[in-house]
């Protein structure tokens, strides 16, 4: 996992809200954006918190594990 200061230029990323985020509950807001070789994850409620960045392999492993839960 790579932690990234929000000062980096991620403004051009196309963010998507997780389909598992409950639109009726504003406390569950996760967004992801894909870039070349990296998947970015952020809390859309508080953009001052640094986003997380994962390599493609790490992200694929997480998604596979989460799907089994």
N, C-alpha and C. Protein backbone atom coordinates (compact mmCIF):
# COMPACT_ATOMS: atom_id res chain seq x y z
N UNK A 1 0.85 -1.17 0.00
CA UNK A 1 0.00 0.00 0.00
C UNK A 1 0.89 1.23 0.00
N UNK A 2 0.44 2.24 -0.68
CA UNK A 2 1.15 3.50 -0.76
C UNK A 2 0.26 4.56 -0.14
N UNK A 3 0.75 5.29 0.84
CA UNK A 3 -0.05 6.41 1.33
C UNK A 3 0.40 7.63 0.55
N UNK A 4 -0.52 8.49 0.22
CA UNK A 4 -0.20 9.61 -0.64
C UNK A 4 -0.80 10.88 -0.07
N UNK A 5 0.00 11.91 0.01
CA UNK A 5 -0.46 13.22 0.45
C UNK A 5 -1.44 13.75 -0.59
N UNK A 6 -2.54 14.31 -0.16
CA UNK A 6 -3.54 14.83 -1.09
C UNK A 6 -3.01 16.01 -1.88
N UNK A 7 -1.78 16.49 -1.58
CA UNK A 7 -1.17 17.54 -2.36
C UNK A 7 -0.76 17.07 -3.74
N UNK A 8 -0.68 15.74 -3.96
CA UNK A 8 -0.37 15.20 -5.28
C UNK A 8 -1.51 15.51 -6.23
N UNK A 9 -1.22 15.52 -7.53
CA UNK A 9 -2.26 15.86 -8.49
C UNK A 9 -3.13 14.66 -8.81
N UNK A 10 -4.20 14.51 -8.07
CA UNK A 10 -5.17 13.45 -8.35
C UNK A 10 -6.48 14.08 -8.84
N UNK A 11 -6.45 15.37 -9.16
CA UNK A 11 -7.66 16.07 -9.57
C UNK A 11 -8.19 15.57 -10.91
N UNK A 12 -7.35 14.95 -11.73
CA UNK A 12 -7.77 14.47 -13.03
C UNK A 12 -8.34 13.05 -12.99
N UNK A 13 -8.29 12.43 -11.83
CA UNK A 13 -8.82 11.08 -11.71
C UNK A 13 -10.34 11.10 -11.78
N UNK A 14 -10.92 10.04 -12.32
CA UNK A 14 -12.36 9.90 -12.35
C UNK A 14 -12.75 8.99 -11.19
N UNK A 15 -13.35 9.58 -10.15
CA UNK A 15 -13.69 8.86 -8.92
C UNK A 15 -15.06 8.22 -9.05
N UNK A 16 -15.18 7.01 -8.50
CA UNK A 16 -16.45 6.28 -8.49
C UNK A 16 -16.78 5.91 -7.06
N UNK A 17 -18.03 6.10 -6.69
CA UNK A 17 -18.48 5.71 -5.36
C UNK A 17 -18.69 4.20 -5.33
N UNK A 18 -18.28 3.58 -4.27
CA UNK A 18 -18.46 2.13 -4.13
C UNK A 18 -19.92 1.77 -4.22
N UNK A 19 -20.21 0.70 -4.93
CA UNK A 19 -21.61 0.25 -5.03
C UNK A 19 -22.11 -0.28 -3.70
N UNK A 20 -21.20 -0.54 -2.77
CA UNK A 20 -21.59 -1.03 -1.44
C UNK A 20 -21.80 0.11 -0.44
N UNK A 21 -21.51 1.35 -0.85
CA UNK A 21 -21.77 2.48 0.03
C UNK A 21 -23.27 2.73 0.05
N UNK A 22 -23.80 2.89 1.22
CA UNK A 22 -25.23 3.09 1.41
C UNK A 22 -25.55 4.56 1.18
N UNK A 23 -26.28 4.88 0.13
CA UNK A 23 -26.59 6.28 -0.17
C UNK A 23 -27.46 6.91 0.91
N UNK A 24 -28.15 6.10 1.71
CA UNK A 24 -28.98 6.62 2.78
C UNK A 24 -28.21 6.87 4.06
N UNK A 25 -26.95 6.42 4.10
CA UNK A 25 -26.13 6.58 5.29
C UNK A 25 -24.87 7.33 4.91
N UNK A 26 -24.80 8.61 5.23
CA UNK A 26 -23.67 9.44 4.81
C UNK A 26 -22.37 9.07 5.51
N UNK A 27 -22.39 8.13 6.46
CA UNK A 27 -21.17 7.71 7.14
C UNK A 27 -20.42 6.63 6.38
N UNK A 28 -20.94 6.17 5.26
CA UNK A 28 -20.31 5.10 4.49
C UNK A 28 -20.07 5.57 3.06
N UNK A 29 -19.00 6.31 2.85
CA UNK A 29 -18.73 6.85 1.52
C UNK A 29 -17.29 6.54 1.11
N UNK A 30 -17.13 5.53 0.28
CA UNK A 30 -15.82 5.16 -0.22
C UNK A 30 -15.82 5.39 -1.72
N UNK A 31 -14.77 6.01 -2.22
CA UNK A 31 -14.63 6.22 -3.65
C UNK A 31 -13.31 5.63 -4.12
N UNK A 32 -13.30 5.16 -5.36
CA UNK A 32 -12.09 4.61 -5.96
C UNK A 32 -11.86 5.26 -7.32
N UNK A 33 -10.59 5.31 -7.71
CA UNK A 33 -10.22 5.81 -9.03
C UNK A 33 -9.02 5.00 -9.51
N UNK A 34 -9.06 4.61 -10.77
CA UNK A 34 -7.96 3.83 -11.34
C UNK A 34 -7.06 4.74 -12.16
N UNK A 35 -5.77 4.52 -12.03
CA UNK A 35 -4.77 5.21 -12.84
C UNK A 35 -3.81 4.13 -13.34
N UNK A 36 -2.87 4.49 -14.11
CA UNK A 36 -1.92 3.53 -14.68
C UNK A 36 -1.18 2.78 -13.57
N UNK A 37 -1.57 1.52 -13.35
CA UNK A 37 -0.89 0.66 -12.38
C UNK A 37 -1.25 0.89 -10.93
N UNK A 38 -2.17 1.81 -10.65
CA UNK A 38 -2.51 2.17 -9.27
C UNK A 38 -4.02 2.34 -9.13
N UNK A 39 -4.56 1.88 -8.00
CA UNK A 39 -5.96 2.14 -7.65
C UNK A 39 -5.96 3.03 -6.41
N UNK A 40 -6.61 4.17 -6.51
CA UNK A 40 -6.70 5.13 -5.42
C UNK A 40 -8.01 4.93 -4.67
N UNK A 41 -7.98 5.07 -3.36
CA UNK A 41 -9.16 4.92 -2.52
C UNK A 41 -9.22 6.12 -1.59
N UNK A 42 -10.40 6.71 -1.44
CA UNK A 42 -10.53 7.86 -0.54
C UNK A 42 -11.88 7.86 0.16
N UNK A 43 -11.93 8.62 1.23
CA UNK A 43 -13.16 8.86 1.99
C UNK A 43 -13.76 10.14 1.43
N UNK A 44 -14.86 10.03 0.72
CA UNK A 44 -15.43 11.20 0.06
C UNK A 44 -16.00 12.23 1.02
N UNK A 45 -16.20 11.85 2.28
CA UNK A 45 -16.72 12.80 3.26
C UNK A 45 -15.65 13.75 3.76
N UNK A 46 -14.38 13.34 3.70
CA UNK A 46 -13.30 14.16 4.25
C UNK A 46 -12.10 14.09 3.32
N UNK A 47 -12.07 14.97 2.33
CA UNK A 47 -11.00 14.96 1.34
C UNK A 47 -9.68 15.49 1.89
N UNK A 48 -9.67 16.00 3.12
CA UNK A 48 -8.42 16.45 3.71
C UNK A 48 -7.58 15.27 4.21
N UNK A 49 -8.21 14.10 4.35
CA UNK A 49 -7.50 12.89 4.78
C UNK A 49 -6.78 12.32 3.56
N UNK A 50 -5.51 11.96 3.71
CA UNK A 50 -4.79 11.40 2.55
C UNK A 50 -5.48 10.15 2.00
N UNK A 51 -5.47 10.04 0.69
CA UNK A 51 -6.03 8.86 0.05
C UNK A 51 -5.04 7.71 0.17
N UNK A 52 -5.51 6.53 -0.10
CA UNK A 52 -4.65 5.35 -0.15
C UNK A 52 -4.45 4.98 -1.61
N UNK A 53 -3.30 4.43 -1.92
CA UNK A 53 -3.04 3.98 -3.28
C UNK A 53 -2.50 2.55 -3.21
N UNK A 54 -3.04 1.68 -4.04
CA UNK A 54 -2.66 0.27 -4.06
C UNK A 54 -2.20 -0.11 -5.46
N UNK A 55 -1.19 -0.96 -5.54
CA UNK A 55 -0.81 -1.53 -6.81
C UNK A 55 -1.92 -2.42 -7.31
N UNK A 56 -1.93 -2.69 -8.61
CA UNK A 56 -3.01 -3.48 -9.20
C UNK A 56 -3.12 -4.88 -8.57
N UNK A 57 -1.99 -5.52 -8.30
CA UNK A 57 -2.01 -6.85 -7.69
C UNK A 57 -2.60 -6.85 -6.30
N UNK A 58 -2.20 -5.86 -5.51
CA UNK A 58 -2.73 -5.75 -4.14
C UNK A 58 -4.23 -5.48 -4.17
N UNK A 59 -4.67 -4.62 -5.07
CA UNK A 59 -6.10 -4.31 -5.17
C UNK A 59 -6.89 -5.54 -5.60
N UNK A 60 -6.37 -6.27 -6.59
CA UNK A 60 -7.05 -7.48 -7.06
C UNK A 60 -7.16 -8.50 -5.93
N UNK A 61 -6.12 -8.63 -5.11
CA UNK A 61 -6.16 -9.54 -3.97
C UNK A 61 -7.20 -9.11 -2.96
N UNK A 62 -7.30 -7.80 -2.70
CA UNK A 62 -8.28 -7.30 -1.75
C UNK A 62 -9.69 -7.58 -2.26
N UNK A 63 -9.95 -7.25 -3.51
CA UNK A 63 -11.29 -7.44 -4.07
C UNK A 63 -11.68 -8.92 -4.05
N UNK A 64 -10.74 -9.78 -4.38
CA UNK A 64 -11.00 -11.22 -4.35
C UNK A 64 -11.36 -11.68 -2.94
N UNK A 65 -10.59 -11.22 -1.97
CA UNK A 65 -10.86 -11.58 -0.57
C UNK A 65 -12.21 -11.02 -0.11
N UNK A 66 -12.47 -9.76 -0.43
CA UNK A 66 -13.73 -9.12 0.00
C UNK A 66 -14.94 -9.82 -0.62
N UNK A 67 -14.79 -10.30 -1.84
CA UNK A 67 -15.90 -10.98 -2.50
C UNK A 67 -16.24 -12.29 -1.83
N UNK A 68 -15.24 -12.90 -1.17
CA UNK A 68 -15.48 -14.17 -0.47
C UNK A 68 -16.10 -13.99 0.91
N UNK A 69 -16.13 -12.77 1.41
CA UNK A 69 -16.66 -12.52 2.77
C UNK A 69 -18.15 -12.43 2.79
